Amino acid sequence: MFWKLMPTYWLLTIVLITIFKQFGESWDNPSFELIMKLCIDLRYWAMLKETL
């Protein structure tokens, strides 16, 4: 089930990257890194939820 959800999470990440690029945020911006970490955490959380 998680592998079916995976593309959705990646799509969400890509959308967030696009939004940040639109606002001229740089890759080094702490808030951008925080968002990226949050996305990664969401993916891992979904994986854990599926395996439990």
N, C-alpha and C. Protein backbone atom coordinates (compact mmCIF):
# COMPACT_ATOMS: atom_id res chain seq x y z
N MET A 1 0.84 -1.21 0.00
CA MET A 1 0.00 0.00 0.00
C MET A 1 0.87 1.26 0.00
N PHE A 2 1.93 1.23 0.80
CA PHE A 2 2.80 2.41 0.89
C PHE A 2 3.40 2.77 -0.46
N TRP A 3 3.78 1.75 -1.21
CA TRP A 3 4.41 2.00 -2.52
C TRP A 3 3.42 2.64 -3.49
N LYS A 4 2.15 2.41 -3.29
CA LYS A 4 1.13 3.08 -4.10
C LYS A 4 1.02 4.55 -3.71
N LEU A 5 1.23 4.82 -2.41
CA LEU A 5 1.16 6.19 -1.91
C LEU A 5 2.40 7.01 -2.25
N MET A 6 3.53 6.31 -2.41
CA MET A 6 4.82 6.98 -2.63
C MET A 6 4.76 8.09 -3.68
N PRO A 7 4.24 7.87 -4.90
CA PRO A 7 4.21 8.94 -5.90
C PRO A 7 3.47 10.18 -5.42
N THR A 8 2.44 10.00 -4.61
CA THR A 8 1.68 11.13 -4.08
C THR A 8 2.56 12.00 -3.20
N TYR A 9 3.36 11.38 -2.35
CA TYR A 9 4.26 12.13 -1.47
C TYR A 9 5.34 12.84 -2.27
N TRP A 10 5.86 12.15 -3.31
CA TRP A 10 6.87 12.78 -4.16
C TRP A 10 6.26 13.97 -4.89
N LEU A 11 5.03 13.82 -5.36
CA LEU A 11 4.34 14.90 -6.06
C LEU A 11 4.16 16.10 -5.13
N LEU A 12 3.81 15.83 -3.88
CA LEU A 12 3.67 16.88 -2.88
C LEU A 12 4.98 17.62 -2.69
N THR A 13 6.09 16.86 -2.64
CA THR A 13 7.42 17.46 -2.48
C THR A 13 7.74 18.36 -3.67
N ILE A 14 7.47 17.86 -4.89
CA ILE A 14 7.74 18.63 -6.11
C ILE A 14 6.92 19.92 -6.13
N VAL A 15 5.65 19.83 -5.73
CA VAL A 15 4.78 21.01 -5.67
C VAL A 15 5.34 22.04 -4.68
N LEU A 16 5.79 21.57 -3.52
CA LEU A 16 6.38 22.47 -2.52
C LEU A 16 7.64 23.14 -3.05
N ILE A 17 8.48 22.36 -3.75
CA ILE A 17 9.70 22.93 -4.35
C ILE A 17 9.32 24.03 -5.34
N THR A 18 8.33 23.75 -6.17
CA THR A 18 7.87 24.73 -7.18
C THR A 18 7.38 26.00 -6.51
N ILE A 19 6.59 25.86 -5.43
CA ILE A 19 6.08 27.02 -4.70
C ILE A 19 7.22 27.85 -4.14
N PHE A 20 8.20 27.17 -3.54
CA PHE A 20 9.34 27.88 -2.96
C PHE A 20 10.17 28.58 -4.04
N LYS A 21 10.31 27.93 -5.20
CA LYS A 21 11.05 28.53 -6.30
C LYS A 21 10.32 29.79 -6.80
N GLN A 22 9.00 29.73 -6.84
CA GLN A 22 8.18 30.86 -7.27
C GLN A 22 8.43 32.08 -6.38
N PHE A 23 8.59 31.82 -5.08
CA PHE A 23 8.80 32.90 -4.13
C PHE A 23 10.28 33.28 -4.00
N GLY A 24 11.12 32.65 -4.83
CA GLY A 24 12.53 33.00 -4.87
C GLY A 24 13.33 32.50 -3.67
N GLU A 25 12.82 31.46 -3.02
CA GLU A 25 13.55 30.89 -1.89
C GLU A 25 14.76 30.11 -2.41
N SER A 26 15.86 30.21 -1.69
CA SER A 26 17.07 29.48 -2.09
C SER A 26 17.10 28.12 -1.41
N TRP A 27 17.91 27.21 -1.97
CA TRP A 27 18.03 25.87 -1.39
C TRP A 27 18.64 25.92 0.01
N ASP A 28 19.42 26.96 0.29
CA ASP A 28 20.10 27.07 1.58
C ASP A 28 19.21 27.67 2.67
N ASN A 29 18.03 28.11 2.27
CA ASN A 29 17.12 28.73 3.23
C ASN A 29 16.69 27.72 4.29
N PRO A 30 16.83 28.06 5.58
CA PRO A 30 16.46 27.13 6.66
C PRO A 30 15.00 26.68 6.60
N SER A 31 14.10 27.59 6.25
CA SER A 31 12.68 27.23 6.19
C SER A 31 12.44 26.22 5.08
N PHE A 32 13.19 26.35 3.97
CA PHE A 32 13.06 25.40 2.87
C PHE A 32 13.52 24.01 3.32
N GLU A 33 14.66 23.98 4.01
CA GLU A 33 15.17 22.70 4.51
C GLU A 33 14.19 22.08 5.49
N LEU A 34 13.55 22.92 6.30
CA LEU A 34 12.57 22.45 7.26
C LEU A 34 11.39 21.79 6.56
N ILE A 35 10.91 22.43 5.48
CA ILE A 35 9.81 21.87 4.69
C ILE A 35 10.21 20.53 4.09
N MET A 36 11.43 20.47 3.55
CA MET A 36 11.92 19.24 2.94
C MET A 36 11.99 18.12 3.98
N LYS A 37 12.50 18.44 5.17
CA LYS A 37 12.58 17.45 6.25
C LYS A 37 11.19 16.98 6.65
N LEU A 38 10.25 17.90 6.67
CA LEU A 38 8.87 17.56 7.01
C LEU A 38 8.29 16.59 5.99
N CYS A 39 8.55 16.85 4.71
CA CYS A 39 8.08 15.96 3.64
C CYS A 39 8.68 14.56 3.80
N ILE A 40 9.98 14.52 4.09
CA ILE A 40 10.65 13.23 4.28
C ILE A 40 10.06 12.51 5.49
N ASP A 41 9.82 13.26 6.56
CA ASP A 41 9.21 12.69 7.76
C ASP A 41 7.83 12.12 7.46
N LEU A 42 7.05 12.84 6.65
CA LEU A 42 5.71 12.37 6.28
C LEU A 42 5.79 11.05 5.52
N ARG A 43 6.78 10.95 4.62
CA ARG A 43 6.95 9.72 3.86
C ARG A 43 7.30 8.56 4.78
N TYR A 44 8.24 8.80 5.72
CA TYR A 44 8.62 7.74 6.65
C TYR A 44 7.47 7.37 7.57
N TRP A 45 6.72 8.37 8.01
CA TRP A 45 5.57 8.13 8.89
C TRP A 45 4.53 7.26 8.18
N ALA A 46 4.29 7.57 6.90
CA ALA A 46 3.33 6.78 6.11
C ALA A 46 3.83 5.34 5.98
N MET A 47 5.13 5.19 5.78
CA MET A 47 5.71 3.85 5.65
C MET A 47 5.55 3.07 6.95
N LEU A 48 5.83 3.73 8.07
CA LEU A 48 5.69 3.08 9.37
C LEU A 48 4.24 2.69 9.64
N LYS A 49 3.33 3.58 9.30
CA LYS A 49 1.91 3.32 9.52
C LYS A 49 1.44 2.11 8.72
N GLU A 50 1.97 1.97 7.49
CA GLU A 50 1.59 0.85 6.64
C GLU A 50 2.15 -0.48 7.15
N THR A 51 3.36 -0.44 7.73
CA THR A 51 3.99 -1.68 8.18
C THR A 51 3.46 -2.14 9.52
N LEU A 52 2.96 -1.21 10.35
CA LEU A 52 2.44 -1.58 11.67
C LEU A 52 1.08 -2.24 11.58
